[in-house]
Amino acid sequence: MAPVTLTQISKSFGAVETVHPLDLEVKDHEFLVLVGPSGCGKSTILRMIAGLETVSGGEVRIGDRVVNTLSPGARDVAMVFQNYALYPHMNVARNIAFGLRRRGMTRAQVDEAVLEAARLLEIEPLLGRRPSALSGGQRQRVAMGRAIVRKPKVFLFDEPLSNLDAKLRAQMRVEIKKLHQKVPTTTVYVTHDQVEAMTMADRLVVMNNGRIEQVGRPMDVYAHPRTRFVAEFIGSPAMNFWDGRLEAGSKGLVFVAHSGLRLSVPASRQVAYRPHLGRPMTLGLRPEAISVAPDHTDARDTEMVTIKLVEPLGVETLAFFDVGGVESCARLDPAHTPRAGDSARLTFDTAMMHLIAPDTGEVVTCEGRATGGASAPRTHEHVSHQRETTP
């Protein structure tokens, strides 16, 4: 087990730079997840760590060794692929054991290692079967077993659950996390599924267009996105966005959307947001910050809407509505959800608002506020390598 350090690594294919220079450190024993849409560079980074892609620039370090010029086999990493990569003519035991004898292990040592991995993954009854006789989840366990027996310094997972159905994917998320608790090997996991990323990661790395948008613990990234891209990508359903501007009201700042929606700025954010008074801005609010207004609620931070569509999900219901032509979503209590076509007064919890500069996509932060009315409010500056979320 060892940390992984990427220093100014980049990847280009001809004149096209697919991974822009970035810095990233994966801590020893950490489960780090690279998440982002297809084509954002996350799998390319994983393959550069594994040695399956050459590094165009920068340095890859595993433990105390620079591994840029080492072959994949010399890096002491084990990779689990999306397509399992099992040998169809070999049974499970031989698939797991493949490669161990090249390390000079005796037959007894190989058998012991295979049995240990099979017990850990609960696939002992499957050792005599061939891959064609296994389910998708069982095949993925075999692929993981082949990685485990090598006892590498680093595990690399390249979208390993993409081929599984929803129920099995949820089950395997739990299994992989439990495995990491039992065998806390440094792990880098790539996925485009933000649910996988949120539920499995010790830390998230959100990527977009070959760059790191934000790094942090899952709930920190969820609660404090640094950019509109992160706010929109992390969380399901996605955050609601309304364009408008800040205006001065009788009780402080008010965000006025182009649709006419008026939402008050909480007292704790007045100083930080004031420099953006009068400028075009975007307000973001997650669906769970919107609820049906109680009968006794005053009109402040509420809006009368027509519910267009409802999606009952059991423990919660999603309600879709328009605000000035902008489709929006609320996550509601099933016991208090209007039906499609009903009019409803909704209330907006502005304590959860995010103010975004539309020209840069940066979220306005309240960090650095001074007392006595002085302030250093700003949008987050563009960071060339990574944005680390601090708790």
Protein backbone atom coordinates (compact mmCIF):
# COMPACT_ATOMS: atom_id res chain seq x y z
CA MET A 1 0.00 0.00 0.00
CA ALA A 2 1.28 3.43 -0.93
CA PRO A 3 0.16 6.96 -1.75
CA VAL A 4 -0.11 8.08 -5.37
CA THR A 5 1.14 11.53 -6.31
CA LEU A 6 0.46 13.18 -9.66
CA THR A 7 2.51 16.29 -10.34
CA GLN A 8 1.62 18.44 -13.35
CA ILE A 9 0.62 15.37 -15.35
CA SER A 10 -0.94 15.93 -18.76
CA LYS A 11 -1.94 13.91 -21.78
CA SER A 12 -2.08 14.98 -25.40
CA PHE A 13 -3.05 13.14 -28.56
CA GLY A 14 -1.31 15.13 -31.25
CA ALA A 15 -2.33 18.75 -30.89
CA VAL A 16 -5.33 17.87 -28.69
CA GLU A 17 -4.69 18.08 -24.94
CA THR A 18 -7.21 15.73 -23.30
CA VAL A 19 -5.83 16.09 -19.76
CA HIS A 20 -4.54 19.53 -18.87
CA PRO A 21 -1.66 19.80 -16.35
CA LEU A 22 -2.95 18.90 -12.90
CA ASP A 23 -1.75 18.00 -9.43
CA LEU A 24 -3.41 15.36 -7.27
CA GLU A 25 -2.43 13.28 -4.26
CA VAL A 26 -4.13 10.02 -3.30
CA LYS A 27 -3.41 9.31 0.35
CA ASP A 28 -2.25 5.93 1.62
CA HIS A 29 -5.28 3.64 2.27
CA GLU A 30 -7.64 6.21 0.72
CA PHE A 31 -10.59 5.39 -1.54
CA LEU A 32 -10.50 8.23 -4.08
CA VAL A 33 -13.15 8.51 -6.79
CA LEU A 34 -12.66 10.35 -10.09
CA VAL A 35 -16.11 11.35 -11.34
CA GLY A 36 -17.28 13.27 -14.36
CA PRO A 37 -19.06 12.95 -17.71
CA SER A 38 -17.77 10.83 -20.56
CA GLY A 39 -14.70 12.32 -22.20
CA CYS A 40 -13.61 14.39 -19.19
CA GLY A 41 -10.24 12.58 -18.86
CA LYS A 42 -10.85 10.48 -15.75
CA SER A 43 -10.12 7.09 -17.36
CA THR A 44 -7.08 8.55 -19.10
CA ILE A 45 -5.68 9.59 -15.72
CA LEU A 46 -6.31 6.09 -14.36
CA ARG A 47 -4.56 4.53 -17.35
CA MET A 48 -1.57 6.85 -16.90
CA ILE A 49 -1.28 5.69 -13.28
CA ALA A 50 -1.47 2.07 -14.46
CA GLY A 51 1.08 2.59 -17.24
CA LEU A 52 -1.40 1.76 -20.00
CA GLU A 53 -1.07 5.32 -21.35
CA THR A 54 2.16 7.27 -21.60
CA VAL A 55 2.36 10.57 -19.76
CA SER A 56 2.79 13.57 -22.05
CA GLY A 57 4.07 15.73 -19.23
CA GLY A 58 4.58 15.68 -15.49
CA GLU A 59 5.34 12.94 -12.98
CA VAL A 60 3.50 9.92 -11.62
CA ARG A 61 4.78 8.70 -8.27
CA ILE A 62 3.63 5.55 -6.45
CA GLY A 63 5.02 5.49 -2.95
CA ASP A 64 8.55 6.86 -3.18
CA ARG A 65 9.10 5.77 -6.82
CA VAL A 66 8.62 7.78 -9.98
CA VAL A 67 6.98 5.27 -12.32
CA ASN A 68 6.67 7.21 -15.60
CA THR A 69 9.01 4.87 -17.46
CA LEU A 70 8.05 1.62 -15.70
CA SER A 71 5.93 -1.01 -17.43
CA PRO A 72 2.45 -1.74 -16.00
CA GLY A 73 3.71 -4.99 -14.48
CA ALA A 74 6.52 -3.21 -12.64
CA ARG A 75 4.29 -0.60 -10.99
CA ASP A 76 2.72 -2.96 -8.44
CA VAL A 77 -0.84 -1.94 -9.23
CA ALA A 78 -3.90 -4.08 -9.99
CA MET A 79 -6.67 -2.91 -12.30
CA VAL A 80 -10.31 -4.02 -12.50
CA PHE A 81 -11.91 -3.23 -15.85
CA GLN A 82 -15.47 -2.53 -16.93
CA ASN A 83 -15.59 -5.65 -19.13
CA TYR A 84 -14.15 -8.03 -16.45
CA ALA A 85 -11.42 -9.32 -18.84
CA LEU A 86 -11.78 -12.96 -17.75
CA TYR A 87 -10.42 -15.89 -19.77
CA PRO A 88 -13.47 -17.87 -20.97
CA HIS A 89 -11.62 -21.21 -21.23
CA MET A 90 -10.40 -21.07 -17.60
CA ASN A 91 -12.46 -21.74 -14.50
CA VAL A 92 -12.76 -19.18 -11.70
CA ALA A 93 -9.83 -20.55 -9.71
CA ARG A 94 -7.47 -20.42 -12.70
CA ASN A 95 -8.67 -16.92 -13.64
CA ILE A 96 -7.91 -15.65 -10.14
CA ALA A 97 -4.56 -17.43 -10.06
CA PHE A 98 -3.49 -16.23 -13.49
CA GLY A 99 -0.12 -14.54 -13.24
CA LEU A 100 0.74 -15.69 -9.71
CA ARG A 101 3.01 -18.53 -10.83
CA ARG A 102 5.03 -16.07 -12.87
CA ARG A 103 5.97 -14.57 -9.54
CA GLY A 104 7.65 -17.82 -8.52
CA MET A 105 4.92 -18.94 -6.13
CA THR A 106 4.50 -22.65 -5.49
CA ARG A 107 1.29 -24.51 -6.29
CA ALA A 108 0.42 -24.61 -2.60
CA GLN A 109 0.99 -20.85 -2.21
CA VAL A 110 -1.15 -20.11 -5.26
CA ASP A 111 -3.99 -22.35 -4.03
CA GLU A 112 -3.87 -20.69 -0.60
CA ALA A 113 -3.99 -17.18 -2.11
CA VAL A 114 -6.90 -18.09 -4.38
CA LEU A 115 -8.87 -19.65 -1.53
CA GLU A 116 -8.23 -16.62 0.70
CA ALA A 117 -9.55 -14.26 -1.97
CA ALA A 118 -12.53 -16.50 -2.69
CA ARG A 119 -13.49 -16.54 0.99
CA LEU A 120 -13.16 -12.77 1.20
CA LEU A 121 -15.43 -12.31 -1.83
CA GLU A 122 -17.76 -15.17 -0.91
CA ILE A 123 -17.27 -17.01 -4.20
CA GLU A 124 -15.81 -20.31 -2.91
CA PRO A 125 -18.64 -22.39 -4.45
CA LEU A 126 -17.85 -20.86 -7.87
CA LEU A 127 -14.17 -21.81 -8.13
CA GLY A 128 -14.82 -24.68 -10.51
CA ARG A 129 -17.12 -22.77 -12.88
CA ARG A 130 -16.23 -20.99 -16.08
CA PRO A 131 -17.16 -17.31 -16.67
CA SER A 132 -20.03 -18.24 -19.01
CA ALA A 133 -21.78 -19.91 -16.07
CA LEU A 134 -21.57 -16.79 -13.88
CA SER A 135 -23.79 -13.74 -13.47
CA GLY A 136 -22.42 -10.25 -14.08
CA GLY A 137 -21.92 -9.63 -10.38
CA GLN A 138 -20.12 -12.96 -9.92
CA ARG A 139 -17.81 -12.19 -12.85
CA GLN A 140 -16.97 -8.84 -11.30
CA ARG A 141 -16.12 -10.57 -8.01
CA VAL A 142 -13.78 -12.90 -9.90
CA ALA A 143 -12.09 -9.91 -11.54
CA MET A 144 -11.69 -8.33 -8.11
CA GLY A 145 -10.31 -11.60 -6.75
CA ARG A 146 -7.64 -11.63 -9.45
CA ALA A 147 -6.62 -8.14 -8.33
CA ILE A 148 -6.69 -8.99 -4.61
CA VAL A 149 -4.38 -12.03 -4.82
CA ARG A 150 -1.63 -9.84 -6.22
CA LYS A 151 -1.65 -7.78 -3.01
CA PRO A 152 -0.72 -4.62 -4.92
CA LYS A 153 0.18 -1.23 -3.55
CA VAL A 154 -2.73 0.36 -5.44
CA PHE A 155 -6.12 -0.83 -6.73
CA LEU A 156 -7.44 0.83 -9.89
CA PHE A 157 -11.12 0.47 -10.86
CA ASP A 158 -12.25 1.64 -14.30
CA GLU A 159 -16.07 1.94 -14.21
CA PRO A 160 -16.40 -1.66 -12.94
CA LEU A 161 -20.18 -1.56 -12.38
CA SER A 162 -21.33 0.00 -15.66
CA ASN A 163 -22.46 -3.32 -17.16
CA LEU A 164 -24.61 -4.35 -14.19
CA ASP A 165 -28.32 -3.73 -13.65
CA ALA A 166 -29.44 -1.16 -11.07
CA LYS A 167 -30.08 -3.62 -8.23
CA LEU A 168 -26.80 -5.45 -8.69
CA ARG A 169 -24.93 -2.17 -9.08
CA ALA A 170 -26.22 -1.03 -5.68
CA GLN A 171 -25.23 -4.37 -4.15
CA MET A 172 -21.74 -4.27 -5.63
CA ARG A 173 -21.21 -0.71 -4.38
CA VAL A 174 -21.68 -2.03 -0.86
CA GLU A 175 -19.47 -5.06 -1.52
CA ILE A 176 -16.57 -2.97 -2.86
CA LYS A 177 -16.79 -0.58 0.07
CA LYS A 178 -16.84 -3.49 2.54
CA LEU A 179 -13.86 -5.00 0.74
CA HIS A 180 -11.92 -1.77 1.14
CA GLN A 181 -12.67 -1.78 4.87
CA LYS A 182 -11.27 -5.32 5.12
CA VAL A 183 -8.33 -4.71 2.77
CA PRO A 184 -7.62 -0.94 2.97
CA THR A 185 -5.41 -0.74 -0.09
CA THR A 186 -4.98 2.68 -1.71
CA THR A 187 -7.74 2.80 -4.33
CA VAL A 188 -8.50 5.02 -7.33
CA TYR A 189 -11.99 4.43 -8.71
CA VAL A 190 -13.37 5.96 -11.92
CA THR A 191 -17.08 6.40 -12.59
CA HIS A 192 -19.51 8.68 -14.43
CA ASP A 193 -22.22 7.81 -11.89
CA GLN A 194 -22.43 10.51 -9.21
CA VAL A 195 -24.41 8.16 -6.91
CA GLU A 196 -21.50 5.69 -6.96
CA ALA A 197 -19.10 8.53 -6.33
CA MET A 198 -21.06 9.97 -3.40
CA THR A 199 -21.67 6.64 -1.66
CA MET A 200 -18.22 5.09 -2.08
CA ALA A 201 -15.60 7.83 -1.92
CA ASP A 202 -13.49 9.02 0.97
CA ARG A 203 -12.81 11.98 -1.34
CA LEU A 204 -14.22 12.99 -4.70
CA VAL A 205 -12.38 14.47 -7.65
CA VAL A 206 -14.93 16.11 -9.96
CA MET A 207 -13.57 16.47 -13.48
CA ASN A 208 -14.69 18.39 -16.55
CA ASN A 209 -12.99 18.83 -19.92
CA GLY A 210 -9.66 17.40 -18.76
CA ARG A 211 -9.45 19.60 -15.66
CA ILE A 212 -10.19 19.15 -11.97
CA GLU A 213 -13.20 21.22 -10.94
CA GLN A 214 -13.19 20.37 -7.24
CA VAL A 215 -11.69 17.94 -4.73
CA GLY A 216 -13.24 17.16 -1.36
CA ARG A 217 -15.25 14.85 0.82
CA PRO A 218 -18.56 13.87 -0.80
CA MET A 219 -20.90 15.84 1.47
CA ASP A 220 -18.61 18.87 1.44
CA VAL A 221 -18.65 18.91 -2.36
CA TYR A 222 -22.43 18.45 -2.34
CA ALA A 223 -23.08 21.22 0.17
CA HIS A 224 -20.39 23.63 -1.02
CA PRO A 225 -19.89 23.31 -4.80
CA ARG A 226 -17.25 25.65 -6.16
CA THR A 227 -18.64 25.92 -9.69
CA ARG A 228 -21.95 25.65 -11.48
CA PHE A 229 -20.70 22.49 -13.18
CA VAL A 230 -20.13 20.77 -9.82
CA ALA A 231 -23.45 22.03 -8.46
CA GLU A 232 -25.26 20.63 -11.49
CA PHE A 233 -23.35 17.35 -11.84
CA ILE A 234 -23.31 16.28 -8.18
CA GLY A 235 -26.78 15.59 -6.86
CA SER A 236 -29.82 13.90 -8.34
CA PRO A 237 -32.09 15.52 -9.38
CA ALA A 238 -29.81 18.35 -10.41
CA MET A 239 -29.82 21.75 -8.75
CA ASN A 240 -32.34 24.32 -9.99
CA PHE A 241 -30.95 27.49 -11.61
CA TRP A 242 -32.63 30.83 -12.23
CA ASP A 243 -31.04 33.83 -13.92
CA GLY A 244 -31.62 37.30 -12.54
CA ARG A 245 -29.88 39.95 -10.46
CA LEU A 246 -29.47 41.15 -6.88
CA GLU A 247 -31.47 44.18 -5.84
CA ALA A 248 -31.61 46.19 -2.62
CA GLY A 249 -34.89 45.68 -0.75
CA SER A 250 -36.32 47.25 2.37
CA LYS A 251 -35.04 44.35 4.50
CA GLY A 252 -31.76 43.72 2.69
CA LEU A 253 -30.68 42.14 -0.56
CA VAL A 254 -33.19 40.32 -2.73
CA PHE A 255 -32.55 38.06 -5.72
CA VAL A 256 -35.02 38.86 -8.47
CA ALA A 257 -35.23 36.26 -11.21
CA HIS A 258 -36.16 37.22 -14.76
CA SER A 259 -39.37 35.29 -14.17
CA GLY A 260 -40.30 37.62 -11.32
CA LEU A 261 -39.47 35.16 -8.53
CA ARG A 262 -38.15 37.14 -5.55
CA LEU A 263 -36.01 35.44 -2.90
CA SER A 264 -34.47 37.19 0.10
CA VAL A 265 -30.75 36.83 0.81
CA PRO A 266 -30.06 35.46 4.32
CA ALA A 267 -28.50 37.89 6.79
CA SER A 268 -25.35 35.76 6.97
CA ARG A 269 -24.66 36.36 3.27
CA GLN A 270 -25.59 40.01 2.89
CA VAL A 271 -22.02 41.30 3.23
CA ALA A 272 -20.53 38.72 0.88
CA TYR A 273 -23.14 39.19 -1.82
CA ARG A 274 -23.35 43.00 -1.74
CA PRO A 275 -20.47 43.60 -4.22
CA HIS A 276 -22.58 41.75 -6.82
CA LEU A 277 -25.55 44.11 -6.42
CA GLY A 278 -27.11 44.93 -9.79
CA ARG A 279 -25.00 42.46 -11.75
CA PRO A 280 -26.46 39.58 -13.80
CA MET A 281 -26.20 36.51 -11.56
CA THR A 282 -27.58 32.97 -11.35
CA LEU A 283 -29.17 31.55 -8.24
CA GLY A 284 -28.94 27.81 -7.55
CA LEU A 285 -31.16 25.90 -5.15
CA ARG A 286 -31.38 22.14 -4.66
CA PRO A 287 -34.79 20.42 -4.92
CA GLU A 288 -34.80 19.57 -1.20
CA ALA A 289 -34.72 23.30 -0.39
CA ILE A 290 -38.21 23.67 -1.89
CA SER A 291 -41.34 22.53 -0.05
CA VAL A 292 -45.08 23.09 0.06
CA ALA A 293 -45.76 26.24 2.08
CA PRO A 294 -47.88 25.75 5.22
CA ASP A 295 -51.18 27.62 5.21
CA HIS A 296 -49.99 30.17 7.77
CA THR A 297 -46.79 31.05 5.86
CA ASP A 298 -46.47 34.66 4.72
CA ALA A 299 -45.74 35.42 1.06
CA ARG A 300 -42.01 36.01 1.50
CA ASP A 301 -39.80 33.51 -0.37
CA THR A 302 -42.85 31.71 -1.76
CA GLU A 303 -44.27 31.33 -5.24
CA MET A 304 -47.57 30.08 -6.58
CA VAL A 305 -46.92 27.49 -9.31
CA THR A 306 -48.72 24.85 -11.32
CA ILE A 307 -47.40 21.32 -10.81
CA LYS A 308 -46.65 19.84 -14.24
CA LEU A 309 -45.50 16.35 -13.29
CA VAL A 310 -44.98 14.23 -10.17
CA GLU A 311 -42.67 11.25 -9.73
CA PRO A 312 -43.46 9.21 -6.59
CA LEU A 313 -40.36 7.42 -5.33
CA GLY A 314 -41.69 5.99 -2.09
CA VAL A 315 -39.88 7.88 0.65
CA GLU A 316 -40.07 11.10 -1.39
CA THR A 317 -41.84 12.56 -4.39
CA LEU A 318 -40.34 14.75 -7.08
CA ALA A 319 -42.59 17.55 -8.32
CA PHE A 320 -41.78 19.45 -11.52
CA PHE A 321 -43.05 22.96 -12.21
CA ASP A 322 -42.19 26.03 -14.28
CA VAL A 323 -40.87 29.31 -12.93
CA GLY A 324 -41.07 31.84 -15.73
CA GLY A 325 -40.55 29.15 -18.34
CA VAL A 326 -37.66 27.52 -16.47
CA GLU A 327 -38.42 23.89 -15.57
CA SER A 328 -37.69 23.36 -11.88
CA CYS A 329 -37.91 20.48 -9.41
CA ALA A 330 -38.85 20.12 -5.75
CA ARG A 331 -38.24 17.09 -3.54
CA LEU A 332 -41.39 16.82 -1.44
CA ASP A 333 -42.86 14.82 1.40
CA PRO A 334 -45.21 12.25 -0.24
CA ALA A 335 -47.88 13.13 2.34
CA HIS A 336 -47.94 16.75 1.18
CA THR A 337 -47.46 16.50 -2.57
CA PRO A 338 -49.95 18.14 -4.93
CA ARG A 339 -51.12 16.24 -7.97
CA ALA A 340 -50.16 17.07 -11.53
CA GLY A 341 -52.23 20.02 -12.70
CA ASP A 342 -52.78 21.39 -9.19
CA SER A 343 -51.76 24.88 -8.13
CA ALA A 344 -49.50 25.00 -5.10
CA ARG A 345 -47.70 27.63 -3.08
CA LEU A 346 -44.08 26.55 -2.65
CA THR A 347 -41.59 27.98 -0.17
CA PHE A 348 -37.88 28.33 -0.92
CA ASP A 349 -35.25 27.85 1.80
CA THR A 350 -32.80 30.58 0.86
CA ALA A 351 -30.34 29.50 3.56
CA MET A 352 -29.34 26.84 1.00
CA MET A 353 -28.92 29.21 -1.94
CA HIS A 354 -25.82 29.40 -4.14
CA LEU A 355 -25.04 32.58 -6.06
CA ILE A 356 -23.14 32.00 -9.29
CA ALA A 357 -21.38 34.41 -11.64
CA PRO A 358 -22.73 33.40 -15.08
CA ASP A 359 -19.65 34.62 -16.97
CA THR A 360 -17.21 32.39 -15.06
CA GLY A 361 -19.48 29.70 -13.60
CA GLU A 362 -17.84 30.31 -10.20
CA VAL A 363 -19.93 30.16 -7.01
CA VAL A 364 -19.69 33.22 -4.77
CA THR A 365 -18.08 32.30 -1.49
CA CYS A 366 -18.52 33.89 1.90
CA GLU A 367 -14.98 33.01 2.97
CA GLY A 368 -12.76 35.83 4.15
CA ARG A 369 -15.59 37.99 5.55
CA ALA A 370 -14.30 40.50 8.03
CA THR A 371 -16.22 41.93 10.95
CA GLY A 372 -17.42 45.51 11.23
CA GLY A 373 -18.82 45.64 7.71
CA ALA A 374 -15.48 45.15 5.89
CA SER A 375 -15.39 42.20 3.59
CA ALA A 376 -13.45 40.35 0.95
CA PRO A 377 -16.29 38.60 -0.85
CA ARG A 378 -15.48 37.18 -4.23
CA THR A 379 -16.27 34.44 -6.65
CA HIS A 380 -13.84 31.54 -6.46
CA GLU A 381 -10.89 32.33 -8.66
CA HIS A 382 -10.04 29.91 -11.45
CA VAL A 383 -7.54 27.39 -10.14
CA SER A 384 -5.40 25.73 -12.77
CA HIS A 385 -4.89 22.42 -11.03
CA GLN A 386 -7.47 21.65 -8.35
CA ARG A 387 -9.92 23.15 -5.91
CA GLU A 388 -9.80 21.43 -2.53
CA THR A 389 -12.98 21.63 -0.47
CA THR A 390 -12.17 22.28 3.15
CA PRO A 391 -14.61 21.13 5.82
